[in-house]
């Protein structure tokens, strides 16, 4: 299992709010413990954090492209706008709309 394969599977499934570590392991046909070791080896993080980081990276890009927050949360695989806003605030320290304003003002 290579870094590229793991990233590809995650990217293909980011929009699915039901996508999780268990489903990633099923798709890759490996155990969750093996997945955890392999992801840590390639990415120095856990599978859950990797999925979260990739969701937030996609969301950040979409926000900067001017996408509506509702669409961003859906495309990035969050179950609701509220859960997306909370995750974004935890990661960036500000609300998505404030982040967009700050970045466009810079």
PDB file of N, CA and C in Angstrom:
ATOM      1  N   UNK A   1       0.857  -1.172   0.000  1.00  0.00           N
ATOM      2  CA  UNK A   1       0.000   0.000   0.000  1.00  0.00           C
ATOM      3  C   UNK A   1       0.904   1.237   0.000  1.00  0.00           C
ATOM      4  N   UNK A   2       0.712   2.082  -1.007  1.00  0.00           N
ATOM      5  CA  UNK A   2       1.551   3.267  -1.133  1.00  0.00           C
ATOM      6  C   UNK A   2       0.807   4.517  -0.659  1.00  0.00           C
ATOM      7  N   UNK A   3       1.568   5.550  -0.454  1.00  0.00           N
ATOM      8  CA  UNK A   3       1.010   6.848  -0.067  1.00  0.00           C
ATOM      9  C   UNK A   3      -0.015   7.317  -1.101  1.00  0.00           C
ATOM     10  N   UNK A   4       0.342   7.160  -2.364  1.00  0.00           N
ATOM     11  CA  UNK A   4      -0.523   7.604  -3.461  1.00  0.00           C
ATOM     12  C   UNK A   4      -1.860   6.863  -3.472  1.00  0.00           C
ATOM     13  N   UNK A   5      -1.834   5.581  -3.179  1.00  0.00           N
ATOM     14  CA  UNK A   5      -3.065   4.785  -3.160  1.00  0.00           C
ATOM     15  C   UNK A   5      -3.972   5.265  -2.034  1.00  0.00           C
ATOM     16  N   UNK A   6      -3.414   5.447  -0.849  1.00  0.00           N
ATOM     17  CA  UNK A   6      -4.200   5.905   0.304  1.00  0.00           C
ATOM     18  C   UNK A   6      -4.812   7.269   0.009  1.00  0.00           C
ATOM     19  N   UNK A   7      -4.002   8.200  -0.479  1.00  0.00           N
ATOM     20  CA  UNK A   7      -4.510   9.536  -0.816  1.00  0.00           C
ATOM     21  C   UNK A   7      -5.604   9.459  -1.874  1.00  0.00           C
ATOM     22  N   UNK A   8      -5.408   8.632  -2.875  1.00  0.00           N
ATOM     23  CA  UNK A   8      -6.393   8.506  -3.945  1.00  0.00           C
ATOM     24  C   UNK A   8      -7.737   8.007  -3.442  1.00  0.00           C
ATOM     25  N   UNK A   9      -7.711   6.989  -2.597  1.00  0.00           N
ATOM     26  CA  UNK A   9      -8.962   6.451  -2.056  1.00  0.00           C
ATOM     27  C   UNK A   9      -9.657   7.504  -1.197  1.00  0.00           C
ATOM     28  N   UNK A  10      -8.890   8.196  -0.389  1.00  0.00           N
ATOM     29  CA  UNK A  10      -9.497   9.234   0.454  1.00  0.00           C
ATOM     30  C   UNK A  10     -10.098  10.331  -0.414  1.00  0.00           C
ATOM     31  N   UNK A  11      -9.358  10.813  -1.398  1.00  0.00           N
ATOM     32  CA  UNK A  11      -9.867  11.875  -2.271  1.00  0.00           C
ATOM     33  C   UNK A  11     -11.145  11.452  -2.996  1.00  0.00           C
ATOM     34  N   UNK A  12     -11.203  10.206  -3.435  1.00  0.00           N
ATOM     35  CA  UNK A  12     -12.392   9.713  -4.132  1.00  0.00           C
ATOM     36  C   UNK A  12     -13.623   9.682  -3.230  1.00  0.00           C
ATOM     37  N   UNK A  13     -13.399   9.605  -1.920  1.00  0.00           N
ATOM     38  CA  UNK A  13     -14.500   9.414  -0.989  1.00  0.00           C
ATOM     39  C   UNK A  13     -14.748  10.601  -0.063  1.00  0.00           C
ATOM     40  N   UNK A  14     -14.028  11.691  -0.230  1.00  0.00           N
ATOM     41  CA  UNK A  14     -14.155  12.824   0.688  1.00  0.00           C
ATOM     42  C   UNK A  14     -15.573  13.376   0.773  1.00  0.00           C
ATOM     43  N   UNK A  15     -16.295  13.368  -0.301  1.00  0.00           N
ATOM     44  CA  UNK A  15     -17.645  13.932  -0.302  1.00  0.00           C
ATOM     45  C   UNK A  15     -18.681  13.082   0.414  1.00  0.00           C
ATOM     46  N   UNK A  16     -18.310  11.886   0.805  1.00  0.00           N
ATOM     47  CA  UNK A  16     -19.237  10.974   1.477  1.00  0.00           C
ATOM     48  C   UNK A  16     -19.138  11.172   2.991  1.00  0.00           C
ATOM     49  N   UNK A  17     -20.186  11.707   3.630  1.00  0.00           N
ATOM     50  CA  UNK A  17     -20.128  11.906   5.078  1.00  0.00           C
ATOM     51  C   UNK A  17     -19.991  10.595   5.852  1.00  0.00           C
ATOM     52  N   UNK A  18     -20.315   9.465   5.233  1.00  0.00           N
ATOM     53  CA  UNK A  18     -20.195   8.169   5.895  1.00  0.00           C
ATOM     54  C   UNK A  18     -18.793   7.563   5.767  1.00  0.00           C
ATOM     55  N   UNK A  19     -17.936   8.233   5.016  1.00  0.00           N
ATOM     56  CA  UNK A  19     -16.572   7.725   4.840  1.00  0.00           C
ATOM     57  C   UNK A  19     -15.797   7.893   6.139  1.00  0.00           C
ATOM     58  N   UNK A  20     -15.161   6.819   6.573  1.00  0.00           N
ATOM     59  CA  UNK A  20     -14.433   6.820   7.844  1.00  0.00           C
ATOM     60  C   UNK A  20     -13.263   5.845   7.735  1.00  0.00           C
ATOM     61  N   UNK A  21     -12.527   5.706   8.816  1.00  0.00           N
ATOM     62  CA  UNK A  21     -11.367   4.820   8.833  1.00  0.00           C
ATOM     63  C   UNK A  21     -11.780   3.383   8.523  1.00  0.00           C
ATOM     64  N   UNK A  22     -12.883   2.942   9.077  1.00  0.00           N
ATOM     65  CA  UNK A  22     -13.356   1.574   8.834  1.00  0.00           C
ATOM     66  C   UNK A  22     -13.593   1.342   7.344  1.00  0.00           C
ATOM     67  N   UNK A  23     -14.246   2.306   6.689  1.00  0.00           N
ATOM     68  CA  UNK A  23     -14.509   2.156   5.249  1.00  0.00           C
ATOM     69  C   UNK A  23     -13.227   2.231   4.434  1.00  0.00           C
ATOM     70  N   UNK A  24     -12.288   3.070   4.869  1.00  0.00           N
ATOM     71  CA  UNK A  24     -11.005   3.156   4.184  1.00  0.00           C
ATOM     72  C   UNK A  24     -10.298   1.802   4.236  1.00  0.00           C
ATOM     73  N   UNK A  25     -10.287   1.184   5.399  1.00  0.00           N
ATOM     74  CA  UNK A  25      -9.661  -0.134   5.551  1.00  0.00           C
ATOM     75  C   UNK A  25     -10.369  -1.173   4.681  1.00  0.00           C
ATOM     76  N   UNK A  26     -11.697  -1.123   4.631  1.00  0.00           N
ATOM     77  CA  UNK A  26     -12.448  -2.070   3.794  1.00  0.00           C
ATOM     78  C   UNK A  26     -12.104  -1.899   2.319  1.00  0.00           C
ATOM     79  N   UNK A  27     -12.058  -0.661   1.870  1.00  0.00           N
ATOM     80  CA  UNK A  27     -11.747  -0.397   0.460  1.00  0.00           C
ATOM     81  C   UNK A  27     -10.336  -0.884   0.114  1.00  0.00           C
ATOM     82  N   UNK A  28      -9.403  -0.643   1.037  1.00  0.00           N
ATOM     83  CA  UNK A  28      -8.012  -1.052   0.798  1.00  0.00           C
ATOM     84  C   UNK A  28      -7.778  -2.531   1.096  1.00  0.00           C
ATOM     85  N   UNK A  29      -8.812  -3.177   1.653  1.00  0.00           N
ATOM     86  CA  UNK A  29      -8.736  -4.601   1.989  1.00  0.00           C
ATOM     87  C   UNK A  29      -7.606  -4.914   2.970  1.00  0.00           C
ATOM     88  N   UNK A  30      -7.530  -4.078   4.023  1.00  0.00           N
ATOM     89  CA  UNK A  30      -6.549  -4.286   5.092  1.00  0.00           C
ATOM     90  C   UNK A  30      -7.256  -4.127   6.439  1.00  0.00           C
ATOM     91  N   UNK A  31      -6.622  -4.603   7.480  1.00  0.00           N
ATOM     92  CA  UNK A  31      -7.187  -4.416   8.817  1.00  0.00           C
ATOM     93  C   UNK A  31      -6.976  -2.970   9.263  1.00  0.00           C
ATOM     94  N   UNK A  32      -7.771  -2.538  10.214  1.00  0.00           N
ATOM     95  CA  UNK A  32      -7.608  -1.168  10.716  1.00  0.00           C
ATOM     96  C   UNK A  32      -6.258  -0.998  11.403  1.00  0.00           C
ATOM     97  N   UNK A  33      -5.770  -2.028  12.072  1.00  0.00           N
ATOM     98  CA  UNK A  33      -4.465  -1.907  12.735  1.00  0.00           C
ATOM     99  C   UNK A  33      -3.346  -1.783  11.697  1.00  0.00           C
ATOM    100  N   UNK A  34      -3.426  -2.556  10.613  1.00  0.00           N
ATOM    101  CA  UNK A  34      -2.423  -2.432   9.553  1.00  0.00           C
ATOM    102  C   UNK A  34      -2.515  -1.045   8.901  1.00  0.00           C
ATOM    103  N   UNK A  35      -3.737  -0.594   8.660  1.00  0.00           N
ATOM    104  CA  UNK A  35      -3.939   0.732   8.073  1.00  0.00           C
ATOM    105  C   UNK A  35      -3.318   1.813   8.955  1.00  0.00           C
ATOM    106  N   UNK A  36      -3.556   1.708  10.254  1.00  0.00           N
ATOM    107  CA  UNK A  36      -3.019   2.686  11.194  1.00  0.00           C
ATOM    108  C   UNK A  36      -1.487   2.737  11.109  1.00  0.00           C
ATOM    109  N   UNK A  37      -0.853   1.569  11.068  1.00  0.00           N
ATOM    110  CA  UNK A  37       0.609   1.511  10.971  1.00  0.00           C
ATOM    111  C   UNK A  37       1.108   2.079   9.647  1.00  0.00           C
ATOM    112  N   UNK A  38       0.450   1.693   8.557  1.00  0.00           N
ATOM    113  CA  UNK A  38       0.878   2.157   7.233  1.00  0.00           C
ATOM    114  C   UNK A  38       0.691   3.664   7.078  1.00  0.00           C
ATOM    115  N   UNK A  39      -0.444   4.174   7.541  1.00  0.00           N
ATOM    116  CA  UNK A  39      -0.682   5.622   7.437  1.00  0.00           C
ATOM    117  C   UNK A  39       0.325   6.379   8.296  1.00  0.00           C
ATOM    118  N   UNK A  40       0.598   5.867   9.471  1.00  0.00           N
ATOM    119  CA  UNK A  40       1.577   6.529  10.333  1.00  0.00           C
ATOM    120  C   UNK A  40       2.956   6.533   9.678  1.00  0.00           C
ATOM    121  N   UNK A  41       3.317   5.435   9.045  1.00  0.00           N
ATOM    122  CA  UNK A  41       4.606   5.342   8.366  1.00  0.00           C
ATOM    123  C   UNK A  41       4.711   6.352   7.216  1.00  0.00           C
ATOM    124  N   UNK A  42       3.659   6.472   6.419  1.00  0.00           N
ATOM    125  CA  UNK A  42       3.690   7.337   5.236  1.00  0.00           C
ATOM    126  C   UNK A  42       3.371   8.797   5.535  1.00  0.00           C
ATOM    127  N   UNK A  43       2.516   9.061   6.536  1.00  0.00           N
ATOM    128  CA  UNK A  43       2.004  10.407   6.757  1.00  0.00           C
ATOM    129  C   UNK A  43       2.312  10.972   8.147  1.00  0.00           C
ATOM    130  N   UNK A  44       2.845  10.158   9.050  1.00  0.00           N
ATOM    131  CA  UNK A  44       3.139  10.570  10.422  1.00  0.00           C
ATOM    132  C   UNK A  44       1.896  11.102  11.152  1.00  0.00           C
ATOM    133  N   UNK A  45       0.770  10.488  10.895  1.00  0.00           N
ATOM    134  CA  UNK A  45      -0.478  10.848  11.565  1.00  0.00           C
ATOM    135  C   UNK A  45      -1.392   9.630  11.562  1.00  0.00           C
ATOM    136  N   UNK A  46      -2.529   9.763  12.185  1.00  0.00           N
ATOM    137  CA  UNK A  46      -3.498   8.661  12.202  1.00  0.00           C
ATOM    138  C   UNK A  46      -4.395   8.733  10.962  1.00  0.00           C
ATOM    139  N   UNK A  47      -5.035   7.623  10.608  1.00  0.00           N
ATOM    140  CA  UNK A  47      -5.959   7.654   9.471  1.00  0.00           C
ATOM    141  C   UNK A  47      -7.086   8.676   9.666  1.00  0.00           C
ATOM    142  N   UNK A  48      -7.644   8.757  10.864  1.00  0.00           N
ATOM    143  CA  UNK A  48      -8.727   9.710  11.131  1.00  0.00           C
ATOM    144  C   UNK A  48      -8.263  11.149  10.923  1.00  0.00           C
ATOM    145  N   UNK A  49      -7.086  11.462  11.443  1.00  0.00           N
ATOM    146  CA  UNK A  49      -6.564  12.822  11.275  1.00  0.00           C
ATOM    147  C   UNK A  49      -6.237  13.108   9.815  1.00  0.00           C
ATOM    148  N   UNK A  50      -5.757  12.112   9.104  1.00  0.00           N
ATOM    149  CA  UNK A  50      -5.456  12.302   7.689  1.00  0.00           C
ATOM    150  C   UNK A  50      -6.727  12.627   6.906  1.00  0.00           C
ATOM    151  N   UNK A  51      -7.787  11.884   7.161  1.00  0.00           N
ATOM    152  CA  UNK A  51      -9.063  12.158   6.488  1.00  0.00           C
ATOM    153  C   UNK A  51      -9.531  13.573   6.829  1.00  0.00           C
ATOM    154  N   UNK A  52      -9.454  13.935   8.092  1.00  0.00           N
ATOM    155  CA  UNK A  52      -9.870  15.267   8.535  1.00  0.00           C
ATOM    156  C   UNK A  52      -9.022  16.358   7.872  1.00  0.00           C
ATOM    157  N   UNK A  53      -7.714  16.158   7.829  1.00  0.00           N
ATOM    158  CA  UNK A  53      -6.822  17.140   7.195  1.00  0.00           C
ATOM    159  C   UNK A  53      -7.151  17.304   5.715  1.00  0.00           C
ATOM    160  N   UNK A  54      -7.422  16.204   5.044  1.00  0.00           N
ATOM    161  CA  UNK A  54      -7.733  16.281   3.616  1.00  0.00           C
ATOM    162  C   UNK A  54      -9.091  16.936   3.391  1.00  0.00           C
ATOM    163  N   UNK A  55     -10.054  16.674   4.270  1.00  0.00           N
ATOM    164  CA  UNK A  55     -11.358  17.350   4.164  1.00  0.00           C
ATOM    165  C   UNK A  55     -11.181  18.854   4.352  1.00  0.00           C
ATOM    166  N   UNK A  56     -10.409  19.238   5.339  1.00  0.00           N
ATOM    167  CA  UNK A  56     -10.212  20.667   5.602  1.00  0.00           C
ATOM    168  C   UNK A  56      -9.411  21.342   4.484  1.00  0.00           C
ATOM    169  N   UNK A  57      -8.464  20.638   3.905  1.00  0.00           N
ATOM    170  CA  UNK A  57      -7.709  21.202   2.780  1.00  0.00           C
ATOM    171  C   UNK A  57      -8.633  21.451   1.589  1.00  0.00           C
ATOM    172  N   UNK A  58      -9.505  20.500   1.298  1.00  0.00           N
ATOM    173  CA  UNK A  58     -10.476  20.689   0.219  1.00  0.00           C
ATOM    174  C   UNK A  58     -11.408  21.847   0.546  1.00  0.00           C
ATOM    175  N   UNK A  59     -11.906  21.885   1.769  1.00  0.00           N
ATOM    176  CA  UNK A  59     -12.815  22.958   2.185  1.00  0.00           C
ATOM    177  C   UNK A  59     -12.145  24.322   2.068  1.00  0.00           C
ATOM    178  N   UNK A  60     -10.901  24.408   2.479  1.00  0.00           N
ATOM    179  CA  UNK A  60     -10.167  25.678   2.405  1.00  0.00           C
ATOM    180  C   UNK A  60     -10.045  26.138   0.959  1.00  0.00           C
ATOM    181  N   UNK A  61      -9.690  25.215   0.086  1.00  0.00           N
ATOM    182  CA  UNK A  61      -9.567  25.569  -1.339  1.00  0.00           C
ATOM    183  C   UNK A  61     -10.898  26.048  -1.898  1.00  0.00           C
ATOM    184  N   UNK A  62     -11.974  25.336  -1.577  1.00  0.00           N
ATOM    185  CA  UNK A  62     -13.296  25.722  -2.087  1.00  0.00           C
ATOM    186  C   UNK A  62     -13.738  27.077  -1.535  1.00  0.00           C
ATOM    187  N   UNK A  63     -13.452  27.337  -0.274  1.00  0.00           N
ATOM    188  CA  UNK A  63     -13.792  28.642   0.306  1.00  0.00           C
ATOM    189  C   UNK A  63     -13.061  29.763  -0.422  1.00  0.00           C
ATOM    190  N   UNK A  64     -11.781  29.549  -0.686  1.00  0.00           N
ATOM    191  CA  UNK A  64     -10.997  30.577  -1.367  1.00  0.00           C
ATOM    192  C   UNK A  64     -11.424  30.770  -2.818  1.00  0.00           C
ATOM    193  N   UNK A  65     -12.054  29.754  -3.390  1.00  0.00           N
ATOM    194  CA  UNK A  65     -12.585  29.869  -4.751  1.00  0.00           C
ATOM    195  C   UNK A  65     -13.952  30.539  -4.766  1.00  0.00           C
ATOM    196  N   UNK A  66     -14.495  30.843  -3.567  1.00  0.00           N
ATOM    197  CA  UNK A  66     -15.757  31.556  -3.485  1.00  0.00           C
ATOM    198  C   UNK A  66     -16.991  30.682  -3.362  1.00  0.00           C
ATOM    199  N   UNK A  67     -16.810  29.402  -3.146  1.00  0.00           N
ATOM    200  CA  UNK A  67     -17.942  28.478  -3.019  1.00  0.00           C
ATOM    201  C   UNK A  67     -18.743  28.804  -1.753  1.00  0.00           C
ATOM    202  N   UNK A  68     -20.056  28.645  -1.829  1.00  0.00           N
ATOM    203  CA  UNK A  68     -20.916  28.875  -0.665  1.00  0.00           C
ATOM    204  C   UNK A  68     -20.582  27.863   0.428  1.00  0.00           C
ATOM    205  N   UNK A  69     -20.696  28.296   1.674  1.00  0.00           N
ATOM    206  CA  UNK A  69     -20.349  27.442   2.804  1.00  0.00           C
ATOM    207  C   UNK A  69     -21.157  26.151   2.801  1.00  0.00           C
ATOM    208  N   UNK A  70     -22.439  26.216   2.461  1.00  0.00           N
ATOM    209  CA  UNK A  70     -23.263  25.011   2.409  1.00  0.00           C
ATOM    210  C   UNK A  70     -22.701  24.003   1.399  1.00  0.00           C
ATOM    211  N   UNK A  71     -22.263  24.507   0.262  1.00  0.00           N
ATOM    212  CA  UNK A  71     -21.689  23.626  -0.757  1.00  0.00           C
ATOM    213  C   UNK A  71     -20.333  23.082  -0.318  1.00  0.00           C
ATOM    214  N   UNK A  72     -19.562  23.923   0.350  1.00  0.00           N
ATOM    215  CA  UNK A  72     -18.251  23.488   0.838  1.00  0.00           C
ATOM    216  C   UNK A  72     -18.418  22.331   1.810  1.00  0.00           C
ATOM    217  N   UNK A  73     -19.322  22.491   2.765  1.00  0.00           N
ATOM    218  CA  UNK A  73     -19.495  21.432   3.765  1.00  0.00           C
ATOM    219  C   UNK A  73     -19.957  20.133   3.112  1.00  0.00           C
ATOM    220  N   UNK A  74     -20.811  20.223   2.119  1.00  0.00           N
ATOM    221  CA  UNK A  74     -21.293  19.027   1.424  1.00  0.00           C
ATOM    222  C   UNK A  74     -20.173  18.374   0.611  1.00  0.00           C
ATOM    223  N   UNK A  75     -19.437  19.168  -0.161  1.00  0.00           N
ATOM    224  CA  UNK A  75     -18.367  18.617  -1.009  1.00  0.00           C
ATOM    225  C   UNK A  75     -17.235  18.020  -0.180  1.00  0.00           C
ATOM    226  N   UNK A  76     -17.000  18.580   0.995  1.00  0.00           N
ATOM    227  CA  UNK A  76     -15.909  18.088   1.840  1.00  0.00           C
ATOM    228  C   UNK A  76     -16.348  16.941   2.748  1.00  0.00           C
ATOM    229  N   UNK A  77     -17.610  16.522   2.648  1.00  0.00           N
ATOM    230  CA  UNK A  77     -18.052  15.334   3.356  1.00  0.00           C
ATOM    231  C   UNK A  77     -18.491  15.532   4.787  1.00  0.00           C
ATOM    232  N   UNK A  78     -18.854  16.748   5.138  1.00  0.00           N
ATOM    233  CA  UNK A  78     -19.363  16.981   6.491  1.00  0.00           C
ATOM    234  C   UNK A  78     -20.869  16.721   6.489  1.00  0.00           C
ATOM    235  N   UNK A  79     -21.347  16.140   7.567  1.00  0.00           N
ATOM    236  CA  UNK A  79     -22.759  15.785   7.663  1.00  0.00           C
ATOM    237  C   UNK A  79     -23.676  16.984   7.766  1.00  0.00           C
ATOM    238  N   UNK A  80     -23.133  18.115   8.207  1.00  0.00           N
ATOM    239  CA  UNK A  80     -23.936  19.326   8.336  1.00  0.00           C
ATOM    240  C   UNK A  80     -23.029  20.552   8.254  1.00  0.00           C
ATOM    241  N   UNK A  81     -23.647  21.698   7.985  1.00  0.00           N
ATOM    242  CA  UNK A  81     -22.883  22.945   7.970  1.00  0.00           C
ATOM    243  C   UNK A  81     -22.307  23.221   9.350  1.00  0.00           C
ATOM    244  N   UNK A  82     -23.077  22.883  10.364  1.00  0.00           N
ATOM    245  CA  UNK A  82     -22.640  23.121  11.746  1.00  0.00           C
ATOM    246  C   UNK A  82     -21.372  22.321  12.075  1.00  0.00           C
ATOM    247  N   UNK A  83     -21.341  21.046  11.707  1.00  0.00           N
ATOM    248  CA  UNK A  83     -20.150  20.237  11.998  1.00  0.00           C
ATOM    249  C   UNK A  83     -18.950  20.740  11.196  1.00  0.00           C
ATOM    250  N   UNK A  84     -19.195  21.204   9.971  1.00  0.00           N
ATOM    251  CA  UNK A  84     -18.107  21.770   9.176  1.00  0.00           C
ATOM    252  C   UNK A  84     -17.561  23.033   9.838  1.00  0.00           C
ATOM    253  N   UNK A  85     -18.444  23.929  10.228  1.00  0.00           N
ATOM    254  CA  UNK A  85     -17.994  25.178  10.861  1.00  0.00           C
ATOM    255  C   UNK A  85     -17.193  24.902  12.134  1.00  0.00           C
ATOM    256  N   UNK A  86     -17.649  23.943  12.923  1.00  0.00           N
ATOM    257  CA  UNK A  86     -16.946  23.609  14.173  1.00  0.00           C
ATOM    258  C   UNK A  86     -15.557  23.045  13.874  1.00  0.00           C
ATOM    259  N   UNK A  87     -15.456  22.135  12.905  1.00  0.00           N
ATOM    260  CA  UNK A  87     -14.156  21.556  12.550  1.00  0.00           C
ATOM    261  C   UNK A  87     -13.230  22.624  11.982  1.00  0.00           C
ATOM    262  N   UNK A  88     -13.777  23.498  11.156  1.00  0.00           N
ATOM    263  CA  UNK A  88     -12.973  24.554  10.553  1.00  0.00           C
ATOM    264  C   UNK A  88     -12.455  25.512  11.626  1.00  0.00           C
ATOM    265  N   UNK A  89     -13.322  25.881  12.553  1.00  0.00           N
ATOM    266  CA  UNK A  89     -12.932  26.787  13.637  1.00  0.00           C
ATOM    267  C   UNK A  89     -11.840  26.166  14.506  1.00  0.00           C
ATOM    268  N   UNK A  90     -11.967  24.871  14.806  1.00  0.00           N
ATOM    269  CA  UNK A  90     -10.935  24.183  15.592  1.00  0.00           C
ATOM    270  C   UNK A  90      -9.593  24.211  14.871  1.00  0.00           C
ATOM    271  N   UNK A  91      -9.628  24.028  13.556  1.00  0.00           N
ATOM    272  CA  UNK A  91      -8.387  23.961  12.785  1.00  0.00           C
ATOM    273  C   UNK A  91      -7.783  25.330  12.510  1.00  0.00           C
ATOM    274  N   UNK A  92      -8.593  26.281  12.108  1.00  0.00           N
ATOM    275  CA  UNK A  92      -8.085  27.590  11.668  1.00  0.00           C
ATOM    276  C   UNK A  92      -8.212  28.691  12.714  1.00  0.00           C
ATOM    277  N   UNK A  93      -9.000  28.435  13.765  1.00  0.00           N
ATOM    278  CA  UNK A  93      -9.158  29.447  14.800  1.00  0.00           C
ATOM    279  C   UNK A  93     -10.152  30.537  14.457  1.00  0.00           C
ATOM    280  N   UNK A  94     -10.915  30.343  13.397  1.00  0.00           N
ATOM    281  CA  UNK A  94     -11.933  31.323  13.008  1.00  0.00           C
ATOM    282  C   UNK A  94     -12.990  30.648  12.153  1.00  0.00           C
ATOM    283  N   UNK A  95     -14.115  31.318  12.039  1.00  0.00           N
ATOM    284  CA  UNK A  95     -15.218  30.802  11.233  1.00  0.00           C
ATOM    285  C   UNK A  95     -14.842  30.827   9.747  1.00  0.00           C
ATOM    286  N   UNK A  96     -15.438  29.942   8.946  1.00  0.00           N
ATOM    287  CA  UNK A  96     -15.128  29.924   7.514  1.00  0.00           C
ATOM    288  C   UNK A  96     -15.343  31.271   6.826  1.00  0.00           C
ATOM    289  N   UNK A  97     -16.445  31.957   7.150  1.00  0.00           N
ATOM    290  CA  UNK A  97     -16.701  33.245   6.480  1.00  0.00           C
ATOM    291  C   UNK A  97     -15.650  34.281   6.871  1.00  0.00           C
ATOM    292  N   UNK A  98     -15.192  34.259   8.127  1.00  0.00           N
ATOM    293  CA  UNK A  98     -14.146  35.189   8.555  1.00  0.00           C
ATOM    294  C   UNK A  98     -12.819  34.853   7.888  1.00  0.00           C
ATOM    295  N   UNK A  99     -12.530  33.572   7.751  1.00  0.00           N
ATOM    296  CA  UNK A  99     -11.318  33.143   7.070  1.00  0.00           C
ATOM    297  C   UNK A  99     -11.297  33.654   5.633  1.00  0.00           C
ATOM    298  N   UNK A 100     -12.420  33.503   4.958  1.00  0.00           N
ATOM    299  CA  UNK A 100     -12.497  33.963   3.570  1.00  0.00           C
ATOM    300  C   UNK A 100     -12.265  35.467   3.485  1.00  0.00           C
ATOM    301  N   UNK A 101     -12.883  36.230   4.401  1.00  0.00           N
ATOM    302  CA  UNK A 101     -12.698  37.690   4.397  1.00  0.00           C
ATOM    303  C   UNK A 101     -11.241  38.055   4.618  1.00  0.00           C
ATOM    304  N   UNK A 102     -10.609  37.424   5.593  1.00  0.00           N
ATOM    305  CA  UNK A 102      -9.196  37.705   5.901  1.00  0.00           C
ATOM    306  C   UNK A 102      -8.307  37.369   4.717  1.00  0.00           C
ATOM    307  N   UNK A 103      -8.545  36.225   4.105  1.00  0.00           N
ATOM    308  CA  UNK A 103      -7.692  35.797   2.997  1.00  0.00           C
ATOM    309  C   UNK A 103      -7.895  36.648   1.745  1.00  0.00           C
ATOM    310  N   UNK A 104      -9.093  37.099   1.516  1.00  0.00           N
ATOM    311  CA  UNK A 104      -9.336  37.950   0.340  1.00  0.00           C
ATOM    312  C   UNK A 104      -8.854  39.364   0.560  1.00  0.00           C
ATOM    313  N   UNK A 105      -8.749  39.779   1.826  1.00  0.00           N
ATOM    314  CA  UNK A 105      -8.265  41.125   2.140  1.00  0.00           C
ATOM    315  C   UNK A 105      -6.727  41.179   2.041  1.00  0.00           C
ATOM    316  N   UNK A 106      -6.091  40.019   2.174  1.00  0.00           N
ATOM    317  CA  UNK A 106      -4.615  39.978   2.185  1.00  0.00           C
ATOM    318  C   UNK A 106      -4.026  40.201   0.804  1.00  0.00           C
TER     319      UNK A 106
END
